[in-house]
Structures are given as structure tokens and as C-alpha cells.
Amino acid sequence: MKGLIKTSFLIILCFTACKQDKSSTVNDETDTTKAKGYMEKNKKQQFVGSWELQEWMIESKDGKQDFPFGVDAIGQINYDINGNMSVMVMKNNRPQFLSEDPLQGEPNEVVTAFKGFIAYSGNYEVNLNSKQVTHQIKISSFPNWVGQNQIRNFELKEDKLILSTDFIGPNKHKLVWRKIDF
């Protein structure tokens, strides 16, 4: 009889220990999932804000590097919490129009201004698995991009956001942005 009681007690003790281990595993998995979700949300929230252009460089397939708007190009990219984005980049010190009316520029003034400026806005989505951000363009100074998605590889380093492309035609682009503190 004593043996039966001991055996029953051991079975109950093992069952309870196994059950506790299983629930502990479930809690660990739940905690890990919650932590991963928090980290993903936090990483996505790191995009939110205004960023100032530090550098825009292109590299051609033959390895040559160039700065399409010069080494002193200026720009800003903005991401808001609701999934909206906008970006503007221009050559520094573009020549002014003779007219004060932006719609009355001479043809050569308009061409020079257009070739030294690019802007677009729309929505964005961040994919942490592929480390890419997709810009869903609604408005653009380059008409061909309206309605398109532009995919950028991203890397976040301290106060820097590095956006890059795979080859687009003969070039790939790399833009380095610094977070603007307000």
C-alpha cells in the first residue's frame, strides 16, 4: 500500500512538473513573440521623423562613382506615423529665374531647374525581413514614377538612415540621411 501511494505521488509530481515546463515554454514563446513584435514596431518607428541628406552617390556597373547633384546636394525625407512619406532633393545654389513668377521661367531656366531637383510623395511600408522600404508614389516631379512603387534597401545606424537601390539601368544609388532633431 505504501508503495502504491509513493508511486501515485511520483506520477502526480512528474505530471505537475511536465505541465509546468510546458506552460513555461508557452510563456517563453509568447514572451519571445511579444518581444519580437515590439522590436519590429520599434524599428519601424525609427523611420518616423525628418531626415536631412548627407550624401547622394551613384555607382555605375563599371565601378565609377559620381554625385548627380554634386557633393553639396541638399534634401529632406519625411516619414510620418500614419505611413505617409515625402522626399525632396536638389542641387545646391541653383540659378534663380529672371522672373519672380515660377510659371514664367525661360525654357533654359526651367530645364536647368528641373535637372537639379527631384521630389515625390505618397505612402510607405517597411519590410524588416527584407530590410526594404517601399515608397508608393502618388505625386512626383518625374511623371514616370506616379503610381509606381520604388523599393529601397535600408540600413539604420545610430542617427543615420541609408537608403540604396539595386541597379536601375546602369547605376545603383545610395543616399545617406541624418535624423533631424527638433
C-alpha atoms as a PDB file:
ATOM      1  CA  MET A   1       0.000   0.000   0.000  1.00  0.00           C
ATOM      2  CA  LYS A   2       2.865   2.350   0.877  1.00  0.00           C
ATOM      3  CA  GLY A   3       4.422   1.564  -2.498  1.00  0.00           C
ATOM      4  CA  LEU A   4       1.194   2.396  -4.312  1.00  0.00           C
ATOM      5  CA  ILE A   5       0.949   5.751  -2.512  1.00  0.00           C
ATOM      6  CA  LYS A   6       4.595   6.558  -3.333  1.00  0.00           C
ATOM      7  CA  THR A   7       4.088   5.627  -6.993  1.00  0.00           C
ATOM      8  CA  SER A   8       0.893   7.689  -7.225  1.00  0.00           C
ATOM      9  CA  PHE A   9       2.648  10.618  -5.591  1.00  0.00           C
ATOM     10  CA  LEU A  10       5.592  10.367  -8.038  1.00  0.00           C
ATOM     11  CA  ILE A  11       3.238  10.186 -11.040  1.00  0.00           C
ATOM     12  CA  ILE A  12       1.368  13.286  -9.857  1.00  0.00           C
ATOM     13  CA  LEU A  13       4.651  15.089  -9.170  1.00  0.00           C
ATOM     14  CA  CYS A  14       6.012  14.237 -12.652  1.00  0.00           C
ATOM     15  CA  PHE A  15       2.746  15.213 -14.319  1.00  0.00           C
ATOM     16  CA  THR A  16       2.731  18.565 -12.484  1.00  0.00           C
ATOM     17  CA  ALA A  17       6.388  19.216 -13.350  1.00  0.00           C
ATOM     18  CA  CYS A  18       5.789  18.362 -17.017  1.00  0.00           C
ATOM     19  CA  LYS A  19       2.724  20.577 -17.105  1.00  0.00           C
ATOM     20  CA  GLN A  20       4.699  23.445 -15.539  1.00  0.00           C
ATOM     21  CA  ASP A  21       7.526  23.012 -18.051  1.00  0.00           C
ATOM     22  CA  LYS A  22       5.030  23.032 -20.920  1.00  0.00           C
ATOM     23  CA  SER A  23       3.295  26.188 -19.661  1.00  0.00           C
ATOM     24  CA  SER A  24       6.692  27.756 -19.068  1.00  0.00           C
ATOM     25  CA  THR A  25       7.590  27.026 -22.701  1.00  0.00           C
ATOM     26  CA  VAL A  26       4.328  28.561 -23.879  1.00  0.00           C
ATOM     27  CA  ASN A  27       5.005  31.665 -21.775  1.00  0.00           C
ATOM     28  CA  ASP A  28       8.589  31.854 -23.106  1.00  0.00           C
ATOM     29  CA  GLU A  29       7.300  31.570 -26.679  1.00  0.00           C
ATOM     30  CA  THR A  30       4.622  34.193 -26.008  1.00  0.00           C
ATOM     31  CA  ASP A  31       7.184  36.493 -24.398  1.00  0.00           C
ATOM     32  CA  THR A  32       9.572  35.981 -27.339  1.00  0.00           C
ATOM     33  CA  THR A  33       6.797  36.706 -29.833  1.00  0.00           C
ATOM     34  CA  LYS A  34       5.786  39.832 -27.904  1.00  0.00           C
ATOM     35  CA  ALA A  35       9.409  40.992 -27.701  1.00  0.00           C
ATOM     36  CA  LYS A  36       9.938  40.376 -31.416  1.00  0.00           C
ATOM     37  CA  GLY A  37       6.742  42.291 -32.234  1.00  0.00           C
ATOM     38  CA  TYR A  38       7.879  45.158 -30.021  1.00  0.00           C
ATOM     39  CA  MET A  39      11.316  45.238 -31.668  1.00  0.00           C
ATOM     40  CA  GLU A  40       9.729  45.255 -35.142  1.00  0.00           C
ATOM     41  CA  LYS A  41       7.345  48.062 -34.162  1.00  0.00           C
ATOM     42  CA  ASN A  42      10.234  49.990 -32.612  1.00  0.00           C
ATOM     43  CA  LYS A  43      12.374  49.507 -35.748  1.00  0.00           C
ATOM     44  CA  LYS A  44       9.536  50.745 -37.968  1.00  0.00           C
ATOM     45  CA  GLN A  45       9.023  53.729 -35.672  1.00  0.00           C
ATOM     46  CA  GLN A  46      12.683  54.650 -36.134  1.00  0.00           C
ATOM     47  CA  PHE A  47      11.734  55.731 -39.676  1.00  0.00           C
ATOM     48  CA  VAL A  48       9.262  58.286 -38.339  1.00  0.00           C
ATOM     49  CA  GLY A  49      10.585  61.817 -38.474  1.00  0.00           C
ATOM     50  CA  SER A  50      12.571  64.116 -40.724  1.00  0.00           C
ATOM     51  CA  TRP A  51      15.927  63.234 -42.197  1.00  0.00           C
ATOM     52  CA  GLU A  52      18.471  65.553 -43.822  1.00  0.00           C
ATOM     53  CA  LEU A  53      20.521  64.447 -46.834  1.00  0.00           C
ATOM     54  CA  GLN A  54      24.193  63.899 -46.092  1.00  0.00           C
ATOM     55  CA  GLU A  55      25.216  62.284 -49.379  1.00  0.00           C
ATOM     56  CA  TRP A  56      23.783  61.004 -52.645  1.00  0.00           C
ATOM     57  CA  MET A  57      26.147  58.883 -54.626  1.00  0.00           C
ATOM     58  CA  ILE A  58      25.640  56.728 -57.693  1.00  0.00           C
ATOM     59  CA  GLU A  59      27.828  53.870 -58.752  1.00  0.00           C
ATOM     60  CA  SER A  60      27.867  52.593 -62.322  1.00  0.00           C
ATOM     61  CA  LYS A  61      28.251  48.958 -63.323  1.00  0.00           C
ATOM     62  CA  ASP A  62      31.889  49.614 -64.181  1.00  0.00           C
ATOM     63  CA  GLY A  63      32.516  50.852 -60.615  1.00  0.00           C
ATOM     64  CA  LYS A  64      32.697  54.597 -61.282  1.00  0.00           C
ATOM     65  CA  GLN A  65      31.219  56.802 -58.579  1.00  0.00           C
ATOM     66  CA  ASP A  66      29.502  60.153 -59.090  1.00  0.00           C
ATOM     67  CA  PHE A  67      27.394  62.670 -57.185  1.00  0.00           C
ATOM     68  CA  PRO A  68      24.480  63.512 -59.521  1.00  0.00           C
ATOM     69  CA  PHE A  69      23.577  66.781 -57.767  1.00  0.00           C
ATOM     70  CA  GLY A  70      27.110  67.488 -56.516  1.00  0.00           C
ATOM     71  CA  VAL A  71      28.769  66.686 -53.201  1.00  0.00           C
ATOM     72  CA  ASP A  72      26.824  69.539 -51.611  1.00  0.00           C
ATOM     73  CA  ALA A  73      23.334  68.403 -52.668  1.00  0.00           C
ATOM     74  CA  ILE A  74      20.610  69.198 -50.154  1.00  0.00           C
ATOM     75  CA  GLY A  75      17.445  67.318 -49.360  1.00  0.00           C
ATOM     76  CA  GLN A  76      14.968  66.114 -46.818  1.00  0.00           C
ATOM     77  CA  ILE A  77      12.915  62.953 -46.452  1.00  0.00           C
ATOM     78  CA  ASN A  78       9.966  62.690 -44.062  1.00  0.00           C
ATOM     79  CA  TYR A  79       8.126  59.645 -42.747  1.00  0.00           C
ATOM     80  CA  ASP A  80       5.082  60.051 -40.529  1.00  0.00           C
ATOM     81  CA  ILE A  81       3.454  57.579 -38.154  1.00  0.00           C
ATOM     82  CA  ASN A  82       0.442  57.135 -40.474  1.00  0.00           C
ATOM     83  CA  GLY A  83       2.503  55.728 -43.370  1.00  0.00           C
ATOM     84  CA  ASN A  84       2.913  58.934 -45.383  1.00  0.00           C
ATOM     85  CA  MET A  85       6.255  60.000 -46.819  1.00  0.00           C
ATOM     86  CA  SER A  86       7.775  62.768 -48.917  1.00  0.00           C
ATOM     87  CA  VAL A  87      11.233  63.477 -50.252  1.00  0.00           C
ATOM     88  CA  MET A  88      12.911  66.432 -51.973  1.00  0.00           C
ATOM     89  CA  VAL A  89      16.481  66.609 -53.227  1.00  0.00           C
ATOM     90  CA  MET A  90      18.124  69.423 -55.176  1.00  0.00           C
ATOM     91  CA  LYS A  91      21.419  70.804 -56.339  1.00  0.00           C
ATOM     92  CA  ASN A  92      22.715  73.439 -54.002  1.00  0.00           C
ATOM     93  CA  ASN A  93      22.776  77.017 -55.329  1.00  0.00           C
ATOM     94  CA  ARG A  94      20.599  76.514 -58.399  1.00  0.00           C
ATOM     95  CA  PRO A  95      20.388  79.641 -60.557  1.00  0.00           C
ATOM     96  CA  GLN A  96      17.358  81.832 -59.962  1.00  0.00           C
ATOM     97  CA  PHE A  97      14.805  82.639 -62.658  1.00  0.00           C
ATOM     98  CA  LEU A  98      14.781  86.156 -64.073  1.00  0.00           C
ATOM     99  CA  SER A  99      11.047  86.322 -63.381  1.00  0.00           C
ATOM    100  CA  GLU A 100       9.603  86.263 -59.853  1.00  0.00           C
ATOM    101  CA  ASP A 101       6.732  84.131 -61.210  1.00  0.00           C
ATOM    102  CA  PRO A 102       7.639  80.411 -61.110  1.00  0.00           C
ATOM    103  CA  LEU A 103       5.353  79.805 -64.105  1.00  0.00           C
ATOM    104  CA  GLN A 104       7.173  82.364 -66.267  1.00  0.00           C
ATOM    105  CA  GLY A 105      10.645  80.801 -66.406  1.00  0.00           C
ATOM    106  CA  GLU A 106      12.551  80.855 -69.670  1.00  0.00           C
ATOM    107  CA  PRO A 107      12.911  77.389 -71.273  1.00  0.00           C
ATOM    108  CA  ASN A 108      16.611  77.101 -70.370  1.00  0.00           C
ATOM    109  CA  GLU A 109      15.852  78.171 -66.764  1.00  0.00           C
ATOM    110  CA  VAL A 110      13.105  75.554 -66.474  1.00  0.00           C
ATOM    111  CA  VAL A 111      15.332  72.790 -67.883  1.00  0.00           C
ATOM    112  CA  THR A 112      18.191  73.677 -65.526  1.00  0.00           C
ATOM    113  CA  ALA A 113      15.825  73.832 -62.540  1.00  0.00           C
ATOM    114  CA  PHE A 114      14.197  70.501 -63.454  1.00  0.00           C
ATOM    115  CA  LYS A 115      17.533  68.728 -63.939  1.00  0.00           C
ATOM    116  CA  GLY A 116      18.623  69.835 -60.476  1.00  0.00           C
ATOM    117  CA  PHE A 117      15.558  68.839 -58.465  1.00  0.00           C
ATOM    118  CA  ILE A 118      13.554  65.719 -57.728  1.00  0.00           C
ATOM    119  CA  ALA A 119      10.646  65.262 -55.345  1.00  0.00           C
ATOM    120  CA  TYR A 120       7.908  62.755 -54.680  1.00  0.00           C
ATOM    121  CA  SER A 121       5.410  61.801 -52.005  1.00  0.00           C
ATOM    122  CA  GLY A 122       2.975  59.056 -51.181  1.00  0.00           C
ATOM    123  CA  ASN A 123       2.793  56.192 -48.710  1.00  0.00           C
ATOM    124  CA  TYR A 124       5.444  53.843 -47.416  1.00  0.00           C
ATOM    125  CA  GLU A 125       5.724  50.334 -45.985  1.00  0.00           C
ATOM    126  CA  VAL A 126       8.692  48.903 -44.103  1.00  0.00           C
ATOM    127  CA  ASN A 127       9.593  45.226 -44.501  1.00  0.00           C
ATOM    128  CA  LEU A 128      12.006  44.254 -41.727  1.00  0.00           C
ATOM    129  CA  ASN A 129      12.641  40.755 -43.123  1.00  0.00           C
ATOM    130  CA  SER A 130      13.952  42.006 -46.468  1.00  0.00           C
ATOM    131  CA  LYS A 131      15.300  45.272 -44.965  1.00  0.00           C
ATOM    132  CA  GLN A 132      13.427  47.252 -47.590  1.00  0.00           C
ATOM    133  CA  VAL A 133      11.108  50.227 -47.579  1.00  0.00           C
ATOM    134  CA  THR A 134       8.594  50.626 -50.395  1.00  0.00           C
ATOM    135  CA  HIS A 135       7.657  54.140 -51.445  1.00  0.00           C
ATOM    136  CA  GLN A 136       4.200  54.085 -53.074  1.00  0.00           C
ATOM    137  CA  ILE A 137       4.371  57.221 -55.192  1.00  0.00           C
ATOM    138  CA  LYS A 138       1.285  59.398 -55.690  1.00  0.00           C
ATOM    139  CA  ILE A 139       2.944  62.724 -56.642  1.00  0.00           C
ATOM    140  CA  SER A 140       6.307  63.145 -58.383  1.00  0.00           C
ATOM    141  CA  SER A 141       8.345  65.756 -60.218  1.00  0.00           C
ATOM    142  CA  PHE A 142       9.329  62.853 -62.507  1.00  0.00           C
ATOM    143  CA  PRO A 143       5.986  61.919 -64.125  1.00  0.00           C
ATOM    144  CA  ASN A 144       7.007  58.335 -64.906  1.00  0.00           C
ATOM    145  CA  TRP A 145       7.047  57.457 -61.194  1.00  0.00           C
ATOM    146  CA  VAL A 146       3.444  58.472 -60.440  1.00  0.00           C
ATOM    147  CA  GLY A 147       1.540  55.313 -59.466  1.00  0.00           C
ATOM    148  CA  GLN A 148       4.724  53.250 -59.123  1.00  0.00           C
ATOM    149  CA  ASN A 149       6.392  51.637 -56.155  1.00  0.00           C
ATOM    150  CA  GLN A 150      10.029  52.469 -55.600  1.00  0.00           C
ATOM    151  CA  ILE A 151      11.820  49.921 -53.431  1.00  0.00           C
ATOM    152  CA  ARG A 152      14.785  50.976 -51.337  1.00  0.00           C
ATOM    153  CA  ASN A 153      17.097  48.788 -49.281  1.00  0.00           C
ATOM    154  CA  PHE A 154      17.614  50.331 -45.860  1.00  0.00           C
ATOM    155  CA  GLU A 155      20.059  50.279 -43.011  1.00  0.00           C
ATOM    156  CA  LEU A 156      19.633  52.153 -39.730  1.00  0.00           C
ATOM    157  CA  LYS A 157      22.859  53.120 -37.951  1.00  0.00           C
ATOM    158  CA  GLU A 158      22.625  55.401 -34.917  1.00  0.00           C
ATOM    159  CA  ASP A 159      21.185  58.684 -36.295  1.00  0.00           C
ATOM    160  CA  LYS A 160      21.682  57.647 -39.947  1.00  0.00           C
ATOM    161  CA  LEU A 161      19.270  56.095 -42.447  1.00  0.00           C
ATOM    162  CA  ILE A 162      20.981  54.646 -45.500  1.00  0.00           C
ATOM    163  CA  LEU A 163      18.732  54.036 -48.486  1.00  0.00           C
ATOM    164  CA  SER A 164      20.076  52.256 -51.544  1.00  0.00           C
ATOM    165  CA  THR A 165      18.834  50.706 -54.747  1.00  0.00           C
ATOM    166  CA  ASP A 166      19.827  47.735 -56.772  1.00  0.00           C
ATOM    167  CA  PHE A 167      20.883  48.673 -60.285  1.00  0.00           C
ATOM    168  CA  ILE A 168      18.363  50.932 -62.020  1.00  0.00           C
ATOM    169  CA  GLY A 169      19.588  50.849 -65.583  1.00  0.00           C
ATOM    170  CA  PRO A 170      23.360  51.360 -65.468  1.00  0.00           C
ATOM    171  CA  ASN A 171      23.501  52.773 -61.916  1.00  0.00           C
ATOM    172  CA  LYS A 172      22.747  51.978 -58.326  1.00  0.00           C
ATOM    173  CA  HIS A 173      22.068  54.772 -55.850  1.00  0.00           C
ATOM    174  CA  LYS A 174      22.989  55.274 -52.207  1.00  0.00           C
ATOM    175  CA  LEU A 175      21.563  58.105 -50.108  1.00  0.00           C
ATOM    176  CA  VAL A 176      22.705  58.754 -46.561  1.00  0.00           C
ATOM    177  CA  TRP A 177      20.275  60.677 -44.350  1.00  0.00           C
ATOM    178  CA  ARG A 178      20.808  62.058 -40.822  1.00  0.00           C
ATOM    179  CA  LYS A 179      17.896  62.339 -38.393  1.00  0.00           C
ATOM    180  CA  ILE A 180      16.915  65.921 -37.709  1.00  0.00           C
ATOM    181  CA  ASP A 181      16.412  66.655 -34.016  1.00  0.00           C
ATOM    182  CA  PHE A 182      13.773  69.220 -33.157  1.00  0.00           C
END
